[in-house]
Amino acid sequence: MIEEKALGIKLAGIADLARLASSMVSMGGSVYVVHFAHKGKHYYGLLATYRDYYKYYGVPLLYYVEVDEPLKGKYLAIKVDESGERVEGTEGVRPGWMCIPIVNLERKPGFVEVE
């Protein structure tokens, strides 16, 4: 039984998650979004580690959003240009868009707490 839990940080919306993921990709990271259903809601999130937190080696974090319906597609896509920001779920990658893969989990991991 896992005692320690990842610290859940709820984001305001899916666009915030897409912005966070795209910023991680731009810093050279390998990024994916996890998805799971729990108690009738759908959760999309990014797992990260907040390093060197006081005496700890790192605190596991889950930046997440909660939605009523699953996103359409296998990728979370974001495009920012002179017309503004667009975020949507897509089935595949698109030229000119940053597309982050969505990994569907069978169930909520035991080390994750969400509201």
N, C-alpha and C. Protein backbone atom coordinates (compact mmCIF):
# COMPACT_ATOMS: atom_id res chain seq x y z
N MET A 1 0.84 -1.18 0.00
CA MET A 1 0.00 0.00 0.00
C MET A 1 0.89 1.25 0.00
N ILE A 2 0.61 2.14 -0.89
CA ILE A 2 1.40 3.36 -1.01
C ILE A 2 0.87 4.39 -0.02
N GLU A 3 1.74 4.88 0.84
CA GLU A 3 1.35 5.89 1.83
C GLU A 3 1.51 7.30 1.28
N GLU A 4 2.63 7.56 0.61
CA GLU A 4 2.92 8.88 0.09
C GLU A 4 2.10 9.14 -1.17
N LYS A 5 1.59 10.34 -1.30
CA LYS A 5 0.78 10.71 -2.45
C LYS A 5 1.43 11.86 -3.20
N ALA A 6 1.13 11.91 -4.50
CA ALA A 6 1.54 13.07 -5.28
C ALA A 6 0.66 14.25 -4.88
N LEU A 7 1.24 15.41 -4.81
CA LEU A 7 0.50 16.61 -4.47
C LEU A 7 -0.28 17.06 -5.71
N GLY A 8 -1.60 17.10 -5.60
CA GLY A 8 -2.44 17.50 -6.72
C GLY A 8 -2.59 19.01 -6.78
N ILE A 9 -2.34 19.58 -7.94
CA ILE A 9 -2.49 21.02 -8.15
C ILE A 9 -3.51 21.19 -9.27
N LYS A 10 -4.71 21.62 -8.90
CA LYS A 10 -5.80 21.75 -9.88
C LYS A 10 -5.64 23.04 -10.66
N LEU A 11 -5.65 22.92 -11.97
CA LEU A 11 -5.54 24.07 -12.87
C LEU A 11 -6.94 24.57 -13.23
N ALA A 12 -7.02 25.80 -13.69
CA ALA A 12 -8.31 26.42 -14.01
C ALA A 12 -8.98 25.81 -15.24
N GLY A 13 -8.18 25.31 -16.20
CA GLY A 13 -8.80 24.77 -17.40
C GLY A 13 -7.80 24.03 -18.28
N ILE A 14 -8.32 23.42 -19.32
CA ILE A 14 -7.51 22.59 -20.21
C ILE A 14 -6.46 23.44 -20.95
N ALA A 15 -6.77 24.70 -21.24
CA ALA A 15 -5.79 25.56 -21.91
C ALA A 15 -4.57 25.79 -21.01
N ASP A 16 -4.78 25.87 -19.70
CA ASP A 16 -3.66 26.02 -18.77
C ASP A 16 -2.77 24.78 -18.80
N LEU A 17 -3.39 23.61 -18.86
CA LEU A 17 -2.63 22.36 -18.95
C LEU A 17 -1.84 22.31 -20.26
N ALA A 18 -2.46 22.72 -21.36
CA ALA A 18 -1.78 22.73 -22.66
C ALA A 18 -0.60 23.70 -22.66
N ARG A 19 -0.76 24.87 -22.05
CA ARG A 19 0.33 25.84 -21.96
C ARG A 19 1.48 25.30 -21.13
N LEU A 20 1.16 24.67 -20.01
CA LEU A 20 2.19 24.10 -19.16
C LEU A 20 2.94 22.99 -19.89
N ALA A 21 2.21 22.11 -20.56
CA ALA A 21 2.84 21.01 -21.30
C ALA A 21 3.72 21.53 -22.43
N SER A 22 3.23 22.53 -23.16
CA SER A 22 4.03 23.05 -24.27
C SER A 22 5.28 23.75 -23.77
N SER A 23 5.21 24.40 -22.61
CA SER A 23 6.41 25.03 -22.07
C SER A 23 7.43 23.99 -21.64
N MET A 24 6.98 22.84 -21.14
CA MET A 24 7.89 21.76 -20.76
C MET A 24 8.55 21.16 -22.00
N VAL A 25 7.80 21.03 -23.08
CA VAL A 25 8.35 20.51 -24.33
C VAL A 25 9.41 21.47 -24.86
N SER A 26 9.13 22.76 -24.80
CA SER A 26 10.06 23.74 -25.34
C SER A 26 11.38 23.77 -24.56
N MET A 27 11.38 23.25 -23.32
CA MET A 27 12.62 23.17 -22.54
C MET A 27 13.34 21.84 -22.76
N GLY A 28 12.86 21.06 -23.75
CA GLY A 28 13.54 19.82 -24.11
C GLY A 28 13.06 18.58 -23.38
N GLY A 29 11.98 18.69 -22.65
CA GLY A 29 11.48 17.54 -21.91
C GLY A 29 10.62 16.63 -22.77
N SER A 30 10.55 15.38 -22.36
CA SER A 30 9.64 14.42 -22.97
C SER A 30 8.34 14.49 -22.18
N VAL A 31 7.29 14.96 -22.80
CA VAL A 31 6.06 15.26 -22.08
C VAL A 31 4.89 14.47 -22.64
N TYR A 32 4.03 14.01 -21.75
CA TYR A 32 2.78 13.36 -22.13
C TYR A 32 1.75 13.73 -21.08
N VAL A 33 0.50 13.68 -21.46
CA VAL A 33 -0.62 13.97 -20.57
C VAL A 33 -1.25 12.63 -20.19
N VAL A 34 -1.47 12.42 -18.89
CA VAL A 34 -2.18 11.21 -18.46
C VAL A 34 -3.66 11.53 -18.31
N HIS A 35 -4.48 10.53 -18.59
CA HIS A 35 -5.93 10.66 -18.47
C HIS A 35 -6.47 9.46 -17.73
N PHE A 36 -7.38 9.70 -16.80
CA PHE A 36 -8.09 8.61 -16.14
C PHE A 36 -9.46 9.12 -15.72
N ALA A 37 -10.39 8.17 -15.57
CA ALA A 37 -11.73 8.49 -15.08
C ALA A 37 -11.78 8.10 -13.61
N HIS A 38 -12.51 8.90 -12.82
CA HIS A 38 -12.63 8.64 -11.39
C HIS A 38 -13.91 9.28 -10.89
N LYS A 39 -14.79 8.48 -10.31
CA LYS A 39 -16.05 8.96 -9.73
C LYS A 39 -16.85 9.80 -10.72
N GLY A 40 -16.94 9.34 -11.97
CA GLY A 40 -17.76 9.99 -12.97
C GLY A 40 -17.14 11.21 -13.64
N LYS A 41 -15.93 11.57 -13.29
CA LYS A 41 -15.24 12.71 -13.90
C LYS A 41 -14.03 12.21 -14.66
N HIS A 42 -13.52 13.05 -15.55
CA HIS A 42 -12.31 12.73 -16.32
C HIS A 42 -11.21 13.70 -15.89
N TYR A 43 -10.03 13.13 -15.68
CA TYR A 43 -8.89 13.90 -15.21
C TYR A 43 -7.77 13.81 -16.22
N TYR A 44 -7.20 14.98 -16.56
CA TYR A 44 -6.06 15.08 -17.45
C TYR A 44 -4.97 15.79 -16.67
N GLY A 45 -3.75 15.25 -16.73
CA GLY A 45 -2.71 15.87 -15.94
C GLY A 45 -1.30 15.59 -16.41
N LEU A 46 -0.38 16.32 -15.81
CA LEU A 46 1.05 16.18 -16.04
C LEU A 46 1.71 15.81 -14.72
N LEU A 47 2.50 14.77 -14.73
CA LEU A 47 3.27 14.39 -13.55
C LEU A 47 4.61 15.11 -13.60
N ALA A 48 5.01 15.68 -12.49
CA ALA A 48 6.27 16.41 -12.41
C ALA A 48 6.84 16.21 -11.00
N THR A 49 8.08 16.64 -10.81
CA THR A 49 8.72 16.58 -9.50
C THR A 49 9.23 17.97 -9.15
N TYR A 50 8.85 18.44 -8.00
CA TYR A 50 9.38 19.69 -7.47
C TYR A 50 10.63 19.32 -6.69
N ARG A 51 11.78 19.59 -7.27
CA ARG A 51 13.05 19.13 -6.72
C ARG A 51 13.53 19.96 -5.53
N ASP A 52 14.29 19.27 -4.67
CA ASP A 52 14.98 19.90 -3.54
C ASP A 52 14.05 20.74 -2.67
N TYR A 53 12.91 20.21 -2.36
CA TYR A 53 11.95 20.89 -1.50
C TYR A 53 12.35 20.64 -0.05
N TYR A 54 12.89 21.66 0.57
CA TYR A 54 13.41 21.58 1.94
C TYR A 54 14.29 20.36 2.11
N LYS A 55 13.96 19.45 3.01
CA LYS A 55 14.82 18.30 3.27
C LYS A 55 14.53 17.12 2.34
N TYR A 56 13.54 17.24 1.47
CA TYR A 56 13.15 16.14 0.60
C TYR A 56 13.98 16.13 -0.68
N TYR A 57 14.08 14.97 -1.28
CA TYR A 57 14.76 14.87 -2.57
C TYR A 57 13.87 15.40 -3.69
N GLY A 58 12.60 15.41 -3.47
CA GLY A 58 11.66 15.92 -4.45
C GLY A 58 10.24 15.59 -4.04
N VAL A 59 9.31 16.46 -4.38
CA VAL A 59 7.91 16.23 -4.08
C VAL A 59 7.20 15.94 -5.41
N PRO A 60 6.54 14.77 -5.53
CA PRO A 60 5.82 14.48 -6.78
C PRO A 60 4.57 15.36 -6.89
N LEU A 61 4.36 15.90 -8.07
CA LEU A 61 3.23 16.78 -8.33
C LEU A 61 2.39 16.23 -9.48
N LEU A 62 1.09 16.47 -9.41
CA LEU A 62 0.21 16.22 -10.54
C LEU A 62 -0.54 17.52 -10.81
N TYR A 63 -0.17 18.19 -11.90
CA TYR A 63 -0.93 19.35 -12.36
C TYR A 63 -2.08 18.78 -13.17
N TYR A 64 -3.34 19.11 -12.81
CA TYR A 64 -4.45 18.43 -13.47
C TYR A 64 -5.65 19.34 -13.68
N VAL A 65 -6.51 18.90 -14.57
CA VAL A 65 -7.83 19.50 -14.77
C VAL A 65 -8.86 18.40 -14.67
N GLU A 66 -10.04 18.80 -14.24
CA GLU A 66 -11.17 17.87 -14.11
C GLU A 66 -12.24 18.32 -15.09
N VAL A 67 -12.72 17.39 -15.92
CA VAL A 67 -13.77 17.72 -16.89
C VAL A 67 -14.86 16.66 -16.81
N ASP A 68 -16.06 17.03 -17.28
CA ASP A 68 -17.19 16.11 -17.24
C ASP A 68 -17.14 15.07 -18.35
N GLU A 69 -16.64 15.46 -19.51
CA GLU A 69 -16.59 14.56 -20.68
C GLU A 69 -15.14 14.40 -21.14
N PRO A 70 -14.79 13.22 -21.66
CA PRO A 70 -13.41 13.05 -22.15
C PRO A 70 -13.15 13.91 -23.38
N LEU A 71 -11.90 14.32 -23.54
CA LEU A 71 -11.50 15.06 -24.74
C LEU A 71 -11.58 14.15 -25.95
N LYS A 72 -11.84 14.72 -27.09
CA LYS A 72 -11.83 13.94 -28.33
C LYS A 72 -10.39 13.85 -28.82
N GLY A 73 -9.96 12.67 -29.17
CA GLY A 73 -8.64 12.51 -29.76
C GLY A 73 -7.60 11.92 -28.83
N LYS A 74 -6.43 11.70 -29.41
CA LYS A 74 -5.31 11.07 -28.73
C LYS A 74 -4.20 12.05 -28.38
N TYR A 75 -4.39 13.32 -28.78
CA TYR A 75 -3.39 14.35 -28.53
C TYR A 75 -4.06 15.60 -28.00
N LEU A 76 -3.37 16.33 -27.14
CA LEU A 76 -3.79 17.65 -26.73
C LEU A 76 -2.98 18.62 -27.58
N ALA A 77 -3.66 19.38 -28.41
CA ALA A 77 -2.99 20.25 -29.39
C ALA A 77 -3.17 21.72 -29.00
N ILE A 78 -2.09 22.48 -29.16
CA ILE A 78 -2.13 23.92 -28.88
C ILE A 78 -1.45 24.66 -30.03
N LYS A 79 -2.07 25.75 -30.42
CA LYS A 79 -1.49 26.61 -31.45
C LYS A 79 -1.68 28.05 -30.99
N VAL A 80 -0.59 28.79 -31.05
CA VAL A 80 -0.62 30.20 -30.69
C VAL A 80 -0.07 30.99 -31.87
N ASP A 81 -0.86 31.91 -32.38
CA ASP A 81 -0.41 32.77 -33.48
C ASP A 81 -1.07 34.13 -33.33
N GLU A 82 -0.98 34.95 -34.36
CA GLU A 82 -1.52 36.31 -34.27
C GLU A 82 -3.03 36.35 -34.03
N SER A 83 -3.73 35.27 -34.34
CA SER A 83 -5.18 35.25 -34.11
C SER A 83 -5.54 34.80 -32.69
N GLY A 84 -4.54 34.39 -31.92
CA GLY A 84 -4.80 33.99 -30.54
C GLY A 84 -4.35 32.57 -30.24
N GLU A 85 -4.91 32.03 -29.19
CA GLU A 85 -4.57 30.69 -28.73
C GLU A 85 -5.73 29.73 -29.00
N ARG A 86 -5.39 28.56 -29.53
CA ARG A 86 -6.39 27.52 -29.75
C ARG A 86 -5.90 26.23 -29.11
N VAL A 87 -6.77 25.56 -28.37
CA VAL A 87 -6.46 24.30 -27.71
C VAL A 87 -7.60 23.33 -28.01
N GLU A 88 -7.23 22.12 -28.42
CA GLU A 88 -8.25 21.11 -28.68
C GLU A 88 -7.65 19.72 -28.67
N GLY A 89 -8.51 18.73 -28.55
CA GLY A 89 -8.09 17.35 -28.67
C GLY A 89 -8.09 16.98 -30.15
N THR A 90 -7.07 16.22 -30.59
CA THR A 90 -6.97 15.82 -31.99
C THR A 90 -6.63 14.33 -32.07
N GLU A 91 -6.92 13.74 -33.21
CA GLU A 91 -6.60 12.33 -33.45
C GLU A 91 -5.15 12.13 -33.86
N GLY A 92 -4.53 13.17 -34.40
CA GLY A 92 -3.14 13.06 -34.84
C GLY A 92 -2.45 14.40 -34.77
N VAL A 93 -1.18 14.40 -35.12
CA VAL A 93 -0.42 15.65 -35.10
C VAL A 93 -0.80 16.52 -36.28
N ARG A 94 -0.62 17.81 -36.12
CA ARG A 94 -0.96 18.77 -37.17
C ARG A 94 0.22 19.71 -37.39
N PRO A 95 0.51 20.04 -38.64
CA PRO A 95 1.57 21.02 -38.90
C PRO A 95 1.22 22.36 -38.27
N GLY A 96 2.22 22.98 -37.62
CA GLY A 96 2.02 24.27 -36.99
C GLY A 96 1.43 24.22 -35.59
N TRP A 97 1.07 23.05 -35.13
CA TRP A 97 0.52 22.87 -33.79
C TRP A 97 1.53 22.11 -32.94
N MET A 98 1.53 22.35 -31.63
CA MET A 98 2.29 21.52 -30.71
C MET A 98 1.30 20.48 -30.19
N CYS A 99 1.61 19.22 -30.42
CA CYS A 99 0.70 18.14 -30.06
C CYS A 99 1.34 17.25 -28.98
N ILE A 100 0.67 17.15 -27.85
CA ILE A 100 1.16 16.39 -26.70
C ILE A 100 0.34 15.10 -26.63
N PRO A 101 1.00 13.92 -26.61
CA PRO A 101 0.23 12.67 -26.55
C PRO A 101 -0.53 12.53 -25.24
N ILE A 102 -1.71 11.94 -25.34
CA ILE A 102 -2.53 11.63 -24.16
C ILE A 102 -2.42 10.14 -23.92
N VAL A 103 -2.03 9.76 -22.71
CA VAL A 103 -1.90 8.36 -22.32
C VAL A 103 -3.08 8.03 -21.41
N ASN A 104 -3.94 7.12 -21.85
CA ASN A 104 -5.12 6.74 -21.07
C ASN A 104 -4.76 5.66 -20.07
N LEU A 105 -5.03 5.92 -18.81
CA LEU A 105 -4.78 4.95 -17.76
C LEU A 105 -6.07 4.18 -17.48
N GLU A 106 -5.94 2.94 -17.11
CA GLU A 106 -7.11 2.11 -16.82
C GLU A 106 -7.88 2.63 -15.62
N ARG A 107 -7.15 3.12 -14.61
CA ARG A 107 -7.80 3.67 -13.41
C ARG A 107 -6.86 4.69 -12.77
N LYS A 108 -7.39 5.40 -11.79
CA LYS A 108 -6.61 6.39 -11.07
C LYS A 108 -5.48 5.69 -10.34
N PRO A 109 -4.24 6.16 -10.52
CA PRO A 109 -3.12 5.55 -9.78
C PRO A 109 -3.29 5.76 -8.27
N GLY A 110 -2.82 4.79 -7.51
CA GLY A 110 -2.96 4.87 -6.06
C GLY A 110 -2.17 5.99 -5.42
N PHE A 111 -1.14 6.47 -6.07
CA PHE A 111 -0.31 7.53 -5.51
C PHE A 111 -0.79 8.94 -5.85
N VAL A 112 -1.96 9.03 -6.51
CA VAL A 112 -2.50 10.31 -6.94
C VAL A 112 -3.76 10.64 -6.14
N GLU A 113 -3.85 11.88 -5.66
CA GLU A 113 -5.05 12.35 -5.01
C GLU A 113 -5.63 13.50 -5.83
N VAL A 114 -6.92 13.42 -6.11
CA VAL A 114 -7.63 14.49 -6.80
C VAL A 114 -8.87 14.80 -5.99
N GLU A 115 -9.41 16.00 -6.16
CA GLU A 115 -10.61 16.40 -5.39
C GLU A 115 -11.79 15.55 -5.73
